[in-house]
Amino acid sequence: MIHATCHTADNIRCLEFDATPWFSEANAPSIVDLAQRGWASTAIADSLEGRRGYEGLHDLVEYAAKRLQPDTIEDPAWETFACLVDGPEAIAWLEKNRPDVAARIPIRSRGQP
C-alpha cells in the first residue's frame, strides 16, 4: 500500500487513501514527474476519485470544485485541494513492482541524502 493524503484548501475535508492503483497504471514519465514535484499532485485524486472504494475521495474533489472553485476567479493559480503521497512507500513499492520506473527517479527526488 502506498499511503496518500488529500485536503481541501480550506482544510474542511481531509482524507487518507491508497494510491497504489495509480502507481500500477500510470506511465513512467508521470511517476517520475510526481517524484520531482515532491510527491505532490492532484492528478492522483483526479484519476482515482471515480473508482469504487474511493467515494470519499470523490466527495473531496467534488466539494473542492463546487465550494472552492469559484474563489479561483481572482487567482486562477490557487489550487482548491492538494494531495501528497508517502515518497518512501512509493519508492519501495516501485522498486519491488516497477523497478524500471524506480530506476528513472533521481536520487534527490527519493528523499534520501
C-alpha atoms as a PDB file:
ATOM      1  CA  MET A   1       0.000   0.000   0.000  1.00  0.00           C
ATOM      2  CA  ILE A   2       1.151   3.486  -0.842  1.00  0.00           C
ATOM      3  CA  HIS A   3      -0.416   5.961   1.560  1.00  0.00           C
ATOM      4  CA  ALA A   4      -1.552   9.340   0.299  1.00  0.00           C
ATOM      5  CA  THR A   5      -3.490  12.222   1.776  1.00  0.00           C
ATOM      6  CA  CYS A   6      -5.631  14.907   0.206  1.00  0.00           C
ATOM      7  CA  HIS A   7      -7.014  18.006   1.826  1.00  0.00           C
ATOM      8  CA  THR A   8      -9.055  20.904   0.582  1.00  0.00           C
ATOM      9  CA  ALA A   9      -7.525  24.382   0.589  1.00  0.00           C
ATOM     10  CA  ASP A  10      -9.858  25.409   3.408  1.00  0.00           C
ATOM     11  CA  ASN A  11      -8.927  22.262   5.403  1.00  0.00           C
ATOM     12  CA  ILE A  12     -12.601  21.359   5.788  1.00  0.00           C
ATOM     13  CA  ARG A  13     -12.032  17.975   4.144  1.00  0.00           C
ATOM     14  CA  CYS A  14      -9.029  15.711   4.618  1.00  0.00           C
ATOM     15  CA  LEU A  15      -8.714  12.087   3.571  1.00  0.00           C
ATOM     16  CA  GLU A  16      -6.135   9.317   3.573  1.00  0.00           C
ATOM     17  CA  PHE A  17      -6.268   6.757   0.770  1.00  0.00           C
ATOM     18  CA  ASP A  18      -4.302   4.070  -1.051  1.00  0.00           C
ATOM     19  CA  ALA A  19      -2.560   5.460  -4.148  1.00  0.00           C
ATOM     20  CA  THR A  20      -1.265   2.051  -5.276  1.00  0.00           C
ATOM     21  CA  PRO A  21      -3.743   1.698  -8.181  1.00  0.00           C
ATOM     22  CA  TRP A  22      -2.476   4.965  -9.649  1.00  0.00           C
ATOM     23  CA  PHE A  23       1.134   3.752  -9.464  1.00  0.00           C
ATOM     24  CA  SER A  24       0.110   0.449 -11.076  1.00  0.00           C
ATOM     25  CA  GLU A  25      -1.422   2.191 -14.087  1.00  0.00           C
ATOM     26  CA  ALA A  26       0.464   5.472 -14.520  1.00  0.00           C
ATOM     27  CA  ASN A  27       3.094   5.782 -17.214  1.00  0.00           C
ATOM     28  CA  ALA A  28       6.728   6.166 -16.186  1.00  0.00           C
ATOM     29  CA  PRO A  29       7.029   9.888 -17.086  1.00  0.00           C
ATOM     30  CA  SER A  30       4.017  10.701 -14.876  1.00  0.00           C
ATOM     31  CA  ILE A  31       5.537   8.877 -11.916  1.00  0.00           C
ATOM     32  CA  VAL A  32       8.943  10.493 -12.403  1.00  0.00           C
ATOM     33  CA  ASP A  33       7.260  13.896 -12.657  1.00  0.00           C
ATOM     34  CA  LEU A  34       5.368  13.225  -9.414  1.00  0.00           C
ATOM     35  CA  ALA A  35       8.638  12.364  -7.646  1.00  0.00           C
ATOM     36  CA  GLN A  36      10.280  15.526  -8.952  1.00  0.00           C
ATOM     37  CA  ARG A  37       7.347  17.564  -7.633  1.00  0.00           C
ATOM     38  CA  GLY A  38       7.972  16.327  -4.098  1.00  0.00           C
ATOM     39  CA  TRP A  39       5.346  13.570  -4.385  1.00  0.00           C
ATOM     40  CA  ALA A  40       2.527  16.136  -4.515  1.00  0.00           C
ATOM     41  CA  SER A  41      -0.093  16.245  -7.270  1.00  0.00           C
ATOM     42  CA  THR A  42      -3.848  16.470  -7.662  1.00  0.00           C
ATOM     43  CA  ALA A  43      -3.611  14.167 -10.698  1.00  0.00           C
ATOM     44  CA  ILE A  44      -3.727  11.119  -8.438  1.00  0.00           C
ATOM     45  CA  ALA A  45      -7.034  12.145  -6.885  1.00  0.00           C
ATOM     46  CA  ASP A  46      -8.423  13.102 -10.277  1.00  0.00           C
ATOM     47  CA  SER A  47      -7.524   9.653 -11.580  1.00  0.00           C
ATOM     48  CA  LEU A  48      -8.855   7.612  -8.655  1.00  0.00           C
ATOM     49  CA  GLU A  49     -11.899   9.539  -7.460  1.00  0.00           C
ATOM     50  CA  GLY A  50     -14.304   7.784  -9.834  1.00  0.00           C
ATOM     51  CA  ARG A  51     -13.417   4.273  -8.672  1.00  0.00           C
ATOM     52  CA  ARG A  52     -15.402   2.061  -6.359  1.00  0.00           C
ATOM     53  CA  GLY A  53     -13.967   2.339  -2.866  1.00  0.00           C
ATOM     54  CA  TYR A  54     -12.801   5.910  -3.440  1.00  0.00           C
ATOM     55  CA  GLU A  55     -16.137   7.589  -2.778  1.00  0.00           C
ATOM     56  CA  GLY A  56     -14.624   9.745  -0.026  1.00  0.00           C
ATOM     57  CA  LEU A  57     -12.015  10.992  -2.454  1.00  0.00           C
ATOM     58  CA  HIS A  58     -14.768  11.752  -4.963  1.00  0.00           C
ATOM     59  CA  ASP A  59     -16.634  13.750  -2.311  1.00  0.00           C
ATOM     60  CA  LEU A  60     -13.479  15.751  -1.504  1.00  0.00           C
ATOM     61  CA  VAL A  61     -12.822  16.569  -5.175  1.00  0.00           C
ATOM     62  CA  GLU A  62     -16.471  17.464  -5.724  1.00  0.00           C
ATOM     63  CA  TYR A  63     -16.513  19.695  -2.632  1.00  0.00           C
ATOM     64  CA  ALA A  64     -13.368  21.474  -3.852  1.00  0.00           C
ATOM     65  CA  ALA A  65     -14.903  22.028  -7.284  1.00  0.00           C
ATOM     66  CA  LYS A  66     -18.285  23.245  -6.095  1.00  0.00           C
ATOM     67  CA  ARG A  67     -17.388  25.159  -2.956  1.00  0.00           C
ATOM     68  CA  LEU A  68     -13.871  26.432  -3.606  1.00  0.00           C
ATOM     69  CA  GLN A  69     -13.534  26.667  -7.394  1.00  0.00           C
ATOM     70  CA  PRO A  70     -15.453  29.985  -7.593  1.00  0.00           C
ATOM     71  CA  ASP A  71     -12.688  31.545  -5.450  1.00  0.00           C
ATOM     72  CA  THR A  72     -10.149  30.813  -8.192  1.00  0.00           C
ATOM     73  CA  ILE A  73     -11.635  33.508 -10.412  1.00  0.00           C
ATOM     74  CA  GLU A  74      -9.489  36.067  -8.579  1.00  0.00           C
ATOM     75  CA  ASP A  75      -6.412  33.808  -8.561  1.00  0.00           C
ATOM     76  CA  PRO A  76      -6.527  31.022 -11.189  1.00  0.00           C
ATOM     77  CA  ALA A  77      -3.256  29.546  -9.855  1.00  0.00           C
ATOM     78  CA  TRP A  78      -4.849  28.850  -6.458  1.00  0.00           C
ATOM     79  CA  GLU A  79      -5.383  25.109  -6.015  1.00  0.00           C
ATOM     80  CA  THR A  80      -8.614  24.061  -4.342  1.00  0.00           C
ATOM     81  CA  PHE A  81      -7.103  20.862  -2.956  1.00  0.00           C
ATOM     82  CA  ALA A  82      -3.733  19.210  -2.588  1.00  0.00           C
ATOM     83  CA  CYS A  83      -2.553  15.611  -2.454  1.00  0.00           C
ATOM     84  CA  LEU A  84       0.670  14.219  -1.069  1.00  0.00           C
ATOM     85  CA  VAL A  85       2.000  10.678  -1.496  1.00  0.00           C
ATOM     86  CA  ASP A  86       4.293   8.967   1.006  1.00  0.00           C
ATOM     87  CA  GLY A  87       7.510   9.086  -1.023  1.00  0.00           C
ATOM     88  CA  PRO A  88       9.447   6.313   0.763  1.00  0.00           C
ATOM     89  CA  GLU A  89       6.460   3.958   0.427  1.00  0.00           C
ATOM     90  CA  ALA A  90       6.148   4.839  -3.245  1.00  0.00           C
ATOM     91  CA  ILE A  91       9.857   4.173  -3.874  1.00  0.00           C
ATOM     92  CA  ALA A  92       9.706   0.846  -2.008  1.00  0.00           C
ATOM     93  CA  TRP A  93       6.642  -0.227  -3.993  1.00  0.00           C
ATOM     94  CA  LEU A  94       8.174   0.858  -7.289  1.00  0.00           C
ATOM     95  CA  GLU A  95      11.447  -0.947  -6.582  1.00  0.00           C
ATOM     96  CA  LYS A  96       9.506  -4.153  -5.971  1.00  0.00           C
ATOM     97  CA  ASN A  97       6.798  -3.864  -8.635  1.00  0.00           C
ATOM     98  CA  ARG A  98       8.137  -1.496 -11.306  1.00  0.00           C
ATOM     99  CA  PRO A  99      11.935  -1.446 -10.946  1.00  0.00           C
ATOM    100  CA  ASP A 100      12.369   0.078 -14.393  1.00  0.00           C
ATOM    101  CA  VAL A 101      10.401   3.137 -13.246  1.00  0.00           C
ATOM    102  CA  ALA A 102      12.145   3.309  -9.868  1.00  0.00           C
ATOM    103  CA  ALA A 103      15.491   3.418 -11.653  1.00  0.00           C
ATOM    104  CA  ARG A 104      14.404   6.559 -13.519  1.00  0.00           C
ATOM    105  CA  ILE A 105      13.671   8.539 -10.351  1.00  0.00           C
ATOM    106  CA  PRO A 106      16.580  10.832  -9.472  1.00  0.00           C
ATOM    107  CA  ILE A 107      18.225  10.292  -6.080  1.00  0.00           C
ATOM    108  CA  ARG A 108      17.321  13.843  -4.981  1.00  0.00           C
ATOM    109  CA  SER A 109      13.635  13.027  -5.531  1.00  0.00           C
ATOM    110  CA  ARG A 110      13.792   9.896  -3.391  1.00  0.00           C
ATOM    111  CA  GLY A 111      14.083  11.845  -0.166  1.00  0.00           C
ATOM    112  CA  GLN A 112      17.461  10.241   0.545  1.00  0.00           C
ATOM    113  CA  PRO A 113      20.738  12.085   1.232  1.00  0.00           C
END
